[in-house]
């Protein structure tokens, strides 16, 4: 089918800006390079202009030619590699997951042909609240001078929530029908198969089958000091555990909604594989959080209560079988269960965060400023070491201060103040909480049940790790899917 035929099939001609944008952006790039060369400007500036223009062109093209449901699903599949694209030979400024996600948002915003059959976006009070929370964080970054720092900037976009907020806003329009939700569900099951197999290969030592290769590099990543856990493409075991659990929940939804024995058996296999992967992360926060999330969801929803005992029995059998069959796993699990030092480090960081909040209660230290300014807030506690090899307090303070707060809530309180934390929590309560309070039509009932489990798992994990990209994206996107049930026209076609 030609481009014109695809446009006609989608319900209209492609917008004129798809013809004008390429030469216009090319002219901007050429002009920037020529001006920079003529003025003797740092060569990085024209390169940055070229990259920005190429990124903008990519977003426009993606928005014009691909269905938003497909775009959001692809963005979710690519999100685990966020922050590591350079390891795959792709510049971070051209990170495909961000470009695809931005393309989906633009497609809905300008109502490209692929998005013409959707309702127009209608702002509700929750959207204004999300905007206020985002503005507070951006203002904090500007005032603290971190807005142009790479980690701080992308932290605002991804882990704090600006892009997840946008995904939540457009998801009810994109995933109104079963046909569109099926695209997302297949993507999540596929992602679960990849993450589950990768966790298995990491655990049993088949590192030749682990892809990408940077996962097997003990010197790379956030958690390079915790070698031996299933950390996946995130290179962080708790984030990997949350992603595995989200995919397991999606696989369960697929198992009860898909037709055909083969499809349902495949979904069930992925659910089991992701459950094993969560065990292989060797993270207590994942073990406890996912168990609580599963049990609470099954008990809270009447139609699911009959599955409590079978699920509990299956989980116990899975754990016992894994400990018996996977070489060395039992020793690792026992070691993690008795390791006190990570708990000491988190308590020390939490105390420093409380000290920062006490010193700057309303506005905090400033966005992404905890690492730079937290050293003065560490105190030697009477019941635990500041660090295991403590000999010189000041040196050790500097060493441990390189770690961010391993608690999202305390971290935001320390950097954004109690006002910023309150805005973020209100956005969560009215956004995700509003989706949980919906009475969705039958096709969305299992999605709502999945959101209950996912919310508990994400919030529990957030109390033990720094902010991470994927948990917020999947939580807000899933909440947006359930939010579609509030619209009277939410259909089943």
Protein backbone atom coordinates (compact mmCIF):
# COMPACT_ATOMS: atom_id res chain seq x y z
CA UNK A 1 0.00 0.00 0.00
CA UNK A 2 1.47 3.38 -0.99
CA UNK A 3 1.82 6.31 1.39
CA UNK A 4 -1.14 8.08 -0.23
CA UNK A 5 -3.24 4.94 0.00
CA UNK A 6 -2.34 4.54 3.66
CA UNK A 7 -3.33 8.13 4.29
CA UNK A 8 -6.67 7.63 2.55
CA UNK A 9 -7.25 4.37 4.43
CA UNK A 10 -6.53 6.12 7.74
CA UNK A 11 -9.29 8.59 7.09
CA UNK A 12 -7.61 11.63 5.54
CA UNK A 13 -4.56 13.08 3.84
CA UNK A 14 -1.37 13.42 5.78
CA UNK A 15 -0.91 16.94 7.16
CA UNK A 16 1.02 19.42 5.10
CA UNK A 17 3.75 19.84 7.70
CA UNK A 18 5.05 16.36 6.84
CA UNK A 19 6.12 17.81 3.48
CA UNK A 20 7.43 21.09 4.81
CA UNK A 21 9.23 19.82 7.91
CA UNK A 22 12.16 17.94 6.28
CA UNK A 23 13.51 20.83 4.15
CA UNK A 24 12.85 23.32 6.94
CA UNK A 25 14.76 21.29 9.50
CA UNK A 26 17.55 20.63 6.99
CA UNK A 27 17.85 24.37 6.43
CA UNK A 28 18.09 24.96 10.18
CA UNK A 29 20.88 22.42 10.48
CA UNK A 30 22.85 23.85 7.53
CA UNK A 31 22.39 27.39 8.83
CA UNK A 32 23.51 26.46 12.33
CA UNK A 33 26.60 24.66 11.08
CA UNK A 34 27.52 27.49 8.70
CA UNK A 35 27.03 30.17 11.34
CA UNK A 36 29.05 28.25 13.87
CA UNK A 37 31.86 27.64 11.40
CA UNK A 38 31.91 31.31 10.41
CA UNK A 39 32.10 32.53 13.98
CA UNK A 40 34.59 29.95 15.20
CA UNK A 41 32.08 28.48 17.65
CA UNK A 42 32.77 25.26 19.53
CA UNK A 43 32.11 22.38 17.07
CA UNK A 44 29.84 20.75 19.64
CA UNK A 45 27.17 23.43 19.11
CA UNK A 46 26.44 22.70 15.43
CA UNK A 47 26.55 19.00 16.25
CA UNK A 48 24.00 19.55 19.02
CA UNK A 49 21.85 21.58 16.63
CA UNK A 50 22.03 18.80 14.04
CA UNK A 51 21.10 16.15 16.59
CA UNK A 52 18.19 18.25 17.88
CA UNK A 53 16.93 18.85 14.35
CA UNK A 54 17.24 15.17 13.48
CA UNK A 55 15.36 14.26 16.66
CA UNK A 56 12.61 16.73 15.81
CA UNK A 57 12.34 15.40 12.27
CA UNK A 58 12.17 11.84 13.60
CA UNK A 59 9.33 12.74 15.96
CA UNK A 60 7.36 14.44 13.17
CA UNK A 61 7.80 11.51 10.79
CA UNK A 62 6.91 8.93 13.45
CA UNK A 63 3.83 10.89 14.47
CA UNK A 64 2.59 11.09 10.89
CA UNK A 65 3.02 7.51 9.77
CA UNK A 66 2.46 5.13 12.71
CA UNK A 67 -0.63 4.39 14.80
CA UNK A 68 -0.40 5.85 18.33
CA UNK A 69 -1.21 2.48 19.96
CA UNK A 70 1.72 0.92 18.13
CA UNK A 71 3.98 3.84 19.05
CA UNK A 72 3.22 3.68 22.75
CA UNK A 73 3.70 -0.08 22.76
CA UNK A 74 7.05 0.22 20.96
CA UNK A 75 8.14 2.95 23.38
CA UNK A 76 7.43 0.58 26.25
CA UNK A 77 9.45 -2.19 24.58
CA UNK A 78 12.40 0.17 24.14
CA UNK A 79 12.20 1.80 27.58
CA UNK A 80 14.38 -0.82 29.37
CA UNK A 81 17.36 0.38 27.30
CA UNK A 82 16.89 4.03 28.26
CA UNK A 83 20.17 5.49 29.44
CA UNK A 84 22.24 2.76 27.79
CA UNK A 85 21.76 3.50 24.11
CA UNK A 86 25.38 4.60 23.80
CA UNK A 87 26.34 1.00 24.60
CA UNK A 88 24.42 0.02 21.46
CA UNK A 89 26.05 2.69 19.31
CA UNK A 90 23.12 5.14 19.41
CA UNK A 91 23.64 8.70 20.74
CA UNK A 92 21.70 9.35 23.93
CA UNK A 93 20.17 12.48 22.41
CA UNK A 94 18.53 10.26 19.78
CA UNK A 95 17.26 7.66 22.26
CA UNK A 96 14.62 5.74 20.26
CA UNK A 97 12.33 5.19 23.25
CA UNK A 98 12.01 8.94 23.86
CA UNK A 99 11.53 9.73 20.17
CA UNK A 100 8.83 7.09 19.75
CA UNK A 101 7.03 8.15 22.93
CA UNK A 102 7.17 11.79 21.87
CA UNK A 103 5.89 10.79 18.43
CA UNK A 104 2.87 9.08 19.98
CA UNK A 105 2.06 12.16 22.07
CA UNK A 106 2.43 14.45 19.05
CA UNK A 107 0.26 12.16 16.93
CA UNK A 108 -2.61 12.44 19.39
CA UNK A 109 -2.07 16.15 19.98
CA UNK A 110 -2.23 17.16 16.30
CA UNK A 111 -4.68 14.37 15.35
CA UNK A 112 -2.68 12.82 12.54
CA UNK A 113 -4.55 10.41 10.22
CA UNK A 114 -3.69 7.47 12.45
CA UNK A 115 -5.32 9.26 15.39
CA UNK A 116 -8.33 10.79 13.60
CA UNK A 117 -10.80 8.19 14.83
CA UNK A 118 -10.16 9.11 18.46
CA UNK A 119 -11.98 11.58 20.67
CA UNK A 120 -10.41 14.95 21.23
CA UNK A 121 -8.45 15.43 24.40
CA UNK A 122 -10.46 17.09 27.16
CA UNK A 123 -8.49 18.50 30.07
CA UNK A 124 -9.78 17.44 33.48
CA UNK A 125 -8.75 18.71 36.93
CA UNK A 126 -6.23 15.87 37.28
CA UNK A 127 -4.39 17.07 34.18
CA UNK A 128 -4.01 20.56 35.64
CA UNK A 129 -2.69 18.99 38.83
CA UNK A 130 -0.12 17.01 36.82
CA UNK A 131 0.89 20.23 35.09
CA UNK A 132 1.34 22.09 38.39
CA UNK A 133 3.48 19.26 39.80
CA UNK A 134 5.63 19.30 36.66
CA UNK A 135 6.00 23.10 36.72
CA UNK A 136 7.16 23.02 40.36
CA UNK A 137 9.86 20.47 39.52
CA UNK A 138 10.98 22.38 36.41
CA UNK A 139 11.12 25.64 38.38
CA UNK A 140 13.23 23.91 41.04
CA UNK A 141 15.63 22.69 38.35
CA UNK A 142 15.90 26.18 36.85
CA UNK A 143 16.47 27.90 40.18
CA UNK A 144 19.02 25.31 41.31
CA UNK A 145 20.88 25.50 38.00
CA UNK A 146 20.48 21.83 37.07
CA UNK A 147 18.01 22.17 34.21
CA UNK A 148 20.76 21.75 31.60
CA UNK A 149 22.55 18.90 33.36
CA UNK A 150 21.92 15.70 31.45
CA UNK A 151 20.90 13.43 34.34
CA UNK A 152 18.80 16.14 35.95
CA UNK A 153 17.04 17.02 32.70
CA UNK A 154 16.17 13.47 31.71
CA UNK A 155 15.25 12.70 35.31
CA UNK A 156 12.58 15.40 35.05
CA UNK A 157 11.33 13.99 31.78
CA UNK A 158 11.27 10.32 32.75
CA UNK A 159 11.68 9.24 36.36
CA UNK A 160 9.90 12.24 37.91
CA UNK A 161 7.04 11.98 35.48
CA UNK A 162 6.67 14.58 32.71
CA UNK A 163 6.65 12.00 29.90
CA UNK A 164 4.71 9.46 32.02
CA UNK A 165 2.16 12.21 32.77
CA UNK A 166 1.82 12.85 29.05
CA UNK A 167 1.43 9.11 28.40
CA UNK A 168 -1.33 9.01 31.02
CA UNK A 169 -3.09 11.92 29.32
CA UNK A 170 -3.12 10.37 25.85
CA UNK A 171 -3.57 6.69 26.81
CA UNK A 172 -7.37 6.93 27.31
CA UNK A 173 -7.68 8.21 23.75
CA UNK A 174 -5.24 5.71 22.27
CA UNK A 175 -6.45 2.55 24.05
CA UNK A 176 -10.22 3.05 23.99
CA UNK A 177 -10.92 -0.24 22.24
CA UNK A 178 -9.98 -3.87 22.74
CA UNK A 179 -8.20 -3.85 19.40
CA UNK A 180 -5.81 -1.13 20.55
CA UNK A 181 -5.35 -2.62 24.02
CA UNK A 182 -4.46 -5.94 22.43
CA UNK A 183 -1.44 -4.26 20.82
CA UNK A 184 -0.18 -3.10 24.21
CA UNK A 185 -0.87 -6.46 25.84
CA UNK A 186 1.11 -8.34 23.19
CA UNK A 187 4.00 -5.91 23.64
CA UNK A 188 4.05 -6.46 27.41
CA UNK A 189 3.95 -10.25 27.06
CA UNK A 190 6.78 -10.07 24.52
CA UNK A 191 8.78 -7.82 26.85
CA UNK A 192 8.13 -10.26 29.70
CA UNK A 193 9.48 -13.16 27.65
CA UNK A 194 12.67 -11.20 26.93
CA UNK A 195 13.19 -9.99 30.51
CA UNK A 196 12.36 -13.39 32.00
CA UNK A 197 14.75 -15.27 29.72
CA UNK A 198 17.48 -12.70 30.31
CA UNK A 199 17.07 -13.05 34.09
CA UNK A 200 17.23 -16.84 33.76
CA UNK A 201 20.37 -16.72 31.60
CA UNK A 202 22.05 -14.31 34.03
CA UNK A 203 21.26 -16.56 36.97
CA UNK A 204 22.32 -19.92 35.54
CA UNK A 205 25.45 -18.49 33.91
CA UNK A 206 24.50 -18.62 30.21
CA UNK A 207 25.88 -15.14 29.63
CA UNK A 208 26.61 -15.86 25.98
CA UNK A 209 22.84 -15.69 25.47
CA UNK A 210 22.42 -12.40 27.35
CA UNK A 211 21.73 -9.43 25.07
CA UNK A 212 22.79 -6.65 25.00
CA UNK A 213 26.32 -7.42 26.06
CA UNK A 214 26.57 -4.53 28.49
CA UNK A 215 24.31 -6.47 30.88
CA UNK A 216 27.17 -8.93 31.39
CA UNK A 217 29.74 -6.21 32.04
CA UNK A 218 30.33 -6.10 35.83
CA UNK A 219 31.89 -2.64 35.55
CA UNK A 220 28.89 -1.06 33.83
CA UNK A 221 25.65 0.17 35.26
CA UNK A 222 23.99 1.48 38.36
CA UNK A 223 24.45 -1.74 40.27
CA UNK A 224 27.93 -2.85 39.25
CA UNK A 225 28.80 -3.50 42.90
CA UNK A 226 25.99 -6.07 43.18
CA UNK A 227 27.16 -8.52 40.57
CA UNK A 228 25.28 -11.80 40.42
CA UNK A 229 21.71 -10.49 40.59
CA UNK A 230 19.32 -10.48 37.65
CA UNK A 231 19.53 -6.82 36.76
CA UNK A 232 18.54 -7.05 33.09
CA UNK A 233 18.92 -4.21 30.57
CA UNK A 234 18.17 -1.70 33.34
CA UNK A 235 21.40 -2.76 35.13
CA UNK A 236 19.45 -2.30 38.36
CA UNK A 237 17.82 -5.28 40.03
CA UNK A 238 14.84 -3.59 41.73
CA UNK A 239 13.79 -1.79 38.54
CA UNK A 240 14.19 -5.06 36.67
CA UNK A 241 12.03 -6.77 39.29
CA UNK A 242 9.26 -4.19 38.92
CA UNK A 243 9.33 -4.60 35.15
CA UNK A 244 9.21 -8.38 35.46
CA UNK A 245 6.23 -8.15 37.78
CA UNK A 246 4.41 -5.73 35.47
CA UNK A 247 4.93 -8.11 32.58
CA UNK A 248 3.79 -11.04 34.73
CA UNK A 249 0.58 -9.17 35.54
CA UNK A 250 0.07 -8.42 31.85
CA UNK A 251 0.68 -12.09 31.02
CA UNK A 252 -2.00 -13.10 33.53
CA UNK A 253 -4.42 -10.64 31.94
CA UNK A 254 -3.56 -12.15 28.56
CA UNK A 255 -4.01 -15.66 29.90
CA UNK A 256 -7.60 -14.96 30.96
CA UNK A 257 -8.61 -12.80 27.99
CA UNK A 258 -6.86 -14.30 24.96
CA UNK A 259 -8.57 -16.96 22.89
CA UNK A 260 -6.88 -20.14 21.80
CA UNK A 261 -5.03 -22.68 23.89
CA UNK A 262 -1.63 -21.97 22.40
CA UNK A 263 -1.87 -18.22 23.05
CA UNK A 264 -3.06 -18.71 26.61
CA UNK A 265 -0.40 -21.34 27.31
CA UNK A 266 2.28 -18.97 26.00
CA UNK A 267 1.01 -16.18 28.25
CA UNK A 268 0.99 -18.54 31.25
CA UNK A 269 4.58 -19.58 30.49
CA UNK A 270 5.67 -15.94 30.35
CA UNK A 271 3.95 -15.28 33.69
CA UNK A 272 5.89 -18.15 35.30
CA UNK A 273 9.14 -17.02 33.67
CA UNK A 274 8.65 -13.47 34.98
CA UNK A 275 7.88 -14.82 38.45
CA UNK A 276 11.15 -16.71 38.41
CA UNK A 277 12.94 -13.61 37.19
CA UNK A 278 11.58 -11.61 40.13
CA UNK A 279 13.07 -14.24 42.46
CA UNK A 280 16.39 -14.10 40.61
CA UNK A 281 16.74 -10.36 41.25
CA UNK A 282 17.70 -11.29 44.84
CA UNK A 283 15.98 -8.13 46.06
CA UNK A 284 13.97 -8.26 49.27
CA UNK A 285 11.90 -5.28 48.16
CA UNK A 286 10.78 -7.24 45.09
CA UNK A 287 10.10 -10.44 47.00
CA UNK A 288 8.01 -8.72 49.66
CA UNK A 289 6.40 -6.12 47.42
CA UNK A 290 5.24 -8.50 44.71
CA UNK A 291 3.95 -11.01 47.26
CA UNK A 292 1.96 -8.31 49.06
CA UNK A 293 0.67 -6.89 45.78
CA UNK A 294 -0.52 -10.28 44.55
CA UNK A 295 -2.19 -11.35 47.79
CA UNK A 296 -3.86 -7.99 48.38
CA UNK A 297 -5.21 -7.83 44.82
CA UNK A 298 -6.63 -11.34 45.00
CA UNK A 299 -8.26 -10.67 48.39
CA UNK A 300 -9.54 -7.18 47.55
CA UNK A 301 -11.39 -8.16 44.38
CA UNK A 302 -14.28 -10.54 45.00
CA UNK A 303 -14.10 -12.31 41.67
CA UNK A 304 -10.44 -13.18 42.26
CA UNK A 305 -10.61 -14.51 45.83
CA UNK A 306 -10.96 -18.11 44.73
CA UNK A 307 -7.46 -17.89 43.22
CA UNK A 308 -5.71 -16.97 46.51
CA UNK A 309 -4.85 -20.51 47.63
CA UNK A 310 -3.88 -21.83 44.15
CA UNK A 311 -1.68 -18.77 43.59
CA UNK A 312 -0.06 -19.12 47.01
CA UNK A 313 0.60 -22.83 46.44
CA UNK A 314 2.01 -22.19 42.96
CA UNK A 315 4.29 -19.46 44.29
CA UNK A 316 5.66 -21.68 47.06
CA UNK A 317 6.23 -24.52 44.60
CA UNK A 318 8.00 -22.15 42.21
CA UNK A 319 10.35 -20.87 44.90
CA UNK A 320 11.14 -24.32 46.32
CA UNK A 321 11.71 -25.77 42.86
CA UNK A 322 14.02 -22.90 41.88
CA UNK A 323 16.07 -23.20 45.07
CA UNK A 324 16.44 -26.92 44.49
CA UNK A 325 17.23 -26.86 40.77
CA UNK A 326 19.27 -23.68 40.17
CA UNK A 327 22.88 -24.19 41.33
CA UNK A 328 23.99 -21.69 43.96
CA UNK A 329 20.63 -19.91 44.16
CA UNK A 330 19.86 -21.04 47.71
CA UNK A 331 23.15 -19.67 49.02
CA UNK A 332 22.53 -16.35 47.26
CA UNK A 333 19.02 -16.06 48.64
CA UNK A 334 20.17 -16.84 52.19
CA UNK A 335 23.03 -14.39 51.81
CA UNK A 336 20.72 -11.63 50.66
CA UNK A 337 18.27 -12.36 53.43
CA UNK A 338 20.94 -11.97 56.12
CA UNK A 339 22.94 -9.09 54.57
CA UNK A 340 22.55 -6.08 56.87
CA UNK A 341 24.91 -3.59 55.23
CA UNK A 342 22.48 -2.46 52.45
CA UNK A 343 19.93 -1.76 55.19
CA UNK A 344 22.48 0.33 57.11
CA UNK A 345 23.34 2.32 53.97
CA UNK A 346 19.68 3.05 53.24
CA UNK A 347 19.04 4.12 56.83
CA UNK A 348 22.02 6.47 56.72
CA UNK A 349 20.86 7.98 53.43
CA UNK A 350 17.34 8.33 54.80
CA UNK A 351 18.67 10.15 57.85
CA UNK A 352 20.58 12.53 55.59
CA UNK A 353 17.41 13.16 53.58
CA UNK A 354 15.47 13.93 56.77
CA UNK A 355 18.22 16.37 57.71
CA UNK A 356 17.94 18.09 54.34
CA UNK A 357 14.17 18.36 54.72
CA UNK A 358 14.60 19.84 58.19
CA UNK A 359 17.00 22.47 56.84
CA UNK A 360 14.91 23.33 53.74
CA UNK A 361 11.38 22.10 54.45
CA UNK A 362 9.36 23.98 51.82
CA UNK A 363 11.52 24.10 48.69
CA UNK A 364 14.20 21.48 49.39
CA UNK A 365 17.80 21.53 48.26
CA UNK A 366 16.80 21.93 44.61
CA UNK A 367 16.20 19.41 41.87
CA UNK A 368 19.07 16.91 41.58
CA UNK A 369 21.11 18.69 44.28
CA UNK A 370 21.09 16.00 46.98
CA UNK A 371 24.30 14.39 45.71
CA UNK A 372 26.12 17.73 45.83
CA UNK A 373 24.88 19.04 49.15
CA UNK A 374 24.03 16.05 51.32
CA UNK A 375 27.42 15.42 52.92
CA UNK A 376 26.73 17.82 55.80
CA UNK A 377 23.58 15.94 56.77
CA UNK A 378 25.18 12.56 57.53
CA UNK A 379 25.44 11.66 61.19
CA UNK A 380 27.02 8.68 62.91
CA UNK A 381 24.21 6.65 64.48
CA UNK A 382 24.72 4.73 67.72
CA UNK A 383 23.19 1.48 66.43
CA UNK A 384 24.84 1.11 63.03
CA UNK A 385 28.04 2.00 61.15
CA UNK A 386 28.07 4.91 58.75
CA UNK A 387 29.70 2.49 56.36
CA UNK A 388 31.06 -1.00 56.91
CA UNK A 389 34.77 -0.11 56.76
CA UNK A 390 34.44 3.13 58.74
CA UNK A 391 37.78 4.54 59.86
CA UNK A 392 37.70 8.23 59.01
CA UNK A 393 34.23 9.74 59.31
CA UNK A 394 34.64 12.62 56.87
CA UNK A 395 36.13 10.44 54.13
CA UNK A 396 33.33 7.93 54.54
CA UNK A 397 30.70 10.65 54.47
CA UNK A 398 31.98 11.74 51.08
CA UNK A 399 32.05 8.13 49.88
CA UNK A 400 28.49 7.29 50.89
CA UNK A 401 27.24 10.69 49.72
CA UNK A 402 27.78 9.58 46.14
CA UNK A 403 24.64 7.51 46.49
CA UNK A 404 21.18 9.04 45.93
CA UNK A 405 18.44 8.53 48.49
CA UNK A 406 17.12 4.98 48.15
CA UNK A 407 13.59 6.19 48.73
CA UNK A 408 11.66 8.10 46.08
CA UNK A 409 9.44 9.87 48.60
CA UNK A 410 12.29 11.06 50.82
CA UNK A 411 14.36 11.97 47.77
CA UNK A 412 11.65 14.25 46.41
CA UNK A 413 11.10 15.75 49.86
CA UNK A 414 14.83 16.53 50.14
CA UNK A 415 15.13 18.03 46.66
CA UNK A 416 11.69 19.53 45.98
CA UNK A 417 10.61 20.22 49.55
CA UNK A 418 7.39 19.21 51.22
CA UNK A 419 5.46 21.31 48.72
CA UNK A 420 6.96 19.46 45.76
CA UNK A 421 6.48 16.07 47.40
CA UNK A 422 2.85 16.91 48.21
CA UNK A 423 2.17 17.92 44.62
CA UNK A 424 3.73 14.70 43.34
CA UNK A 425 1.71 12.60 45.78
CA UNK A 426 -1.51 14.45 44.95
CA UNK A 427 -0.88 13.82 41.25
CA UNK A 428 -0.40 10.15 42.05
CA UNK A 429 -3.52 10.02 44.24
CA UNK A 430 -5.81 11.73 41.74
CA UNK A 431 -4.27 10.20 38.61
CA UNK A 432 -3.50 6.58 39.46
CA UNK A 433 -5.95 6.65 42.38
CA UNK A 434 -8.66 8.07 40.13
CA UNK A 435 -8.14 5.22 37.68
CA UNK A 436 -8.38 2.70 40.54
CA UNK A 437 -11.69 4.21 41.63
CA UNK A 438 -13.30 3.78 38.22
CA UNK A 439 -16.02 1.24 37.51
CA UNK A 440 -14.76 0.14 34.11
CA UNK A 441 -16.75 -1.89 31.59
CA UNK A 442 -16.09 -5.67 31.55
CA UNK A 443 -13.28 -5.53 28.94
CA UNK A 444 -11.26 -3.29 31.31
CA UNK A 445 -12.02 -5.12 34.57
CA UNK A 446 -8.88 -7.25 34.44
CA UNK A 447 -6.78 -4.20 33.51
CA UNK A 448 -8.07 -2.48 36.64
CA UNK A 449 -7.21 -5.53 38.75
CA UNK A 450 -3.73 -5.47 37.24
CA UNK A 451 -3.41 -1.78 38.10
CA UNK A 452 -4.14 -2.56 41.77
CA UNK A 453 -1.27 -5.07 41.87
CA UNK A 454 1.10 -2.88 39.87
CA UNK A 455 0.46 0.19 42.03
CA UNK A 456 1.28 -1.67 45.25
CA UNK A 457 4.44 -3.19 43.76
CA UNK A 458 5.69 0.13 42.35
CA UNK A 459 5.01 2.11 45.53
CA UNK A 460 6.64 -0.54 47.71
CA UNK A 461 9.73 -0.64 45.50
CA UNK A 462 9.82 3.18 45.42
CA UNK A 463 10.45 3.17 49.16
CA UNK A 464 13.72 1.26 48.64
CA UNK A 465 15.32 2.67 45.46
CA UNK A 466 16.06 6.02 43.82
CA UNK A 467 13.63 7.23 41.11
CA UNK A 468 13.69 5.04 38.01
CA UNK A 469 12.24 5.52 34.53
CA UNK A 470 10.37 2.33 33.72
CA UNK A 471 8.27 1.92 36.89
CA UNK A 472 6.74 5.38 36.49
CA UNK A 473 6.13 4.95 32.76
CA UNK A 474 4.38 1.59 33.05
CA UNK A 475 2.35 2.71 36.09
CA UNK A 476 1.06 5.90 34.48
CA UNK A 477 0.48 4.30 31.10
CA UNK A 478 -1.47 1.43 32.67
CA UNK A 479 -3.48 3.93 34.72
CA UNK A 480 -4.29 5.81 31.51
CA UNK A 481 -5.57 2.60 29.92
CA UNK A 482 -7.91 2.02 32.88
CA UNK A 483 -8.90 5.71 32.86
CA UNK A 484 -10.41 5.09 29.41
CA UNK A 485 -13.18 3.20 31.21
CA UNK A 486 -14.49 6.51 32.57
CA UNK A 487 -15.55 7.58 29.07
CA UNK A 488 -19.06 6.46 28.09
CA UNK A 489 -17.91 5.69 24.56
CA UNK A 490 -15.19 3.24 25.71
CA UNK A 491 -15.88 0.32 23.43
CA UNK A 492 -15.01 -3.30 22.90
CA UNK A 493 -14.32 -3.29 19.18
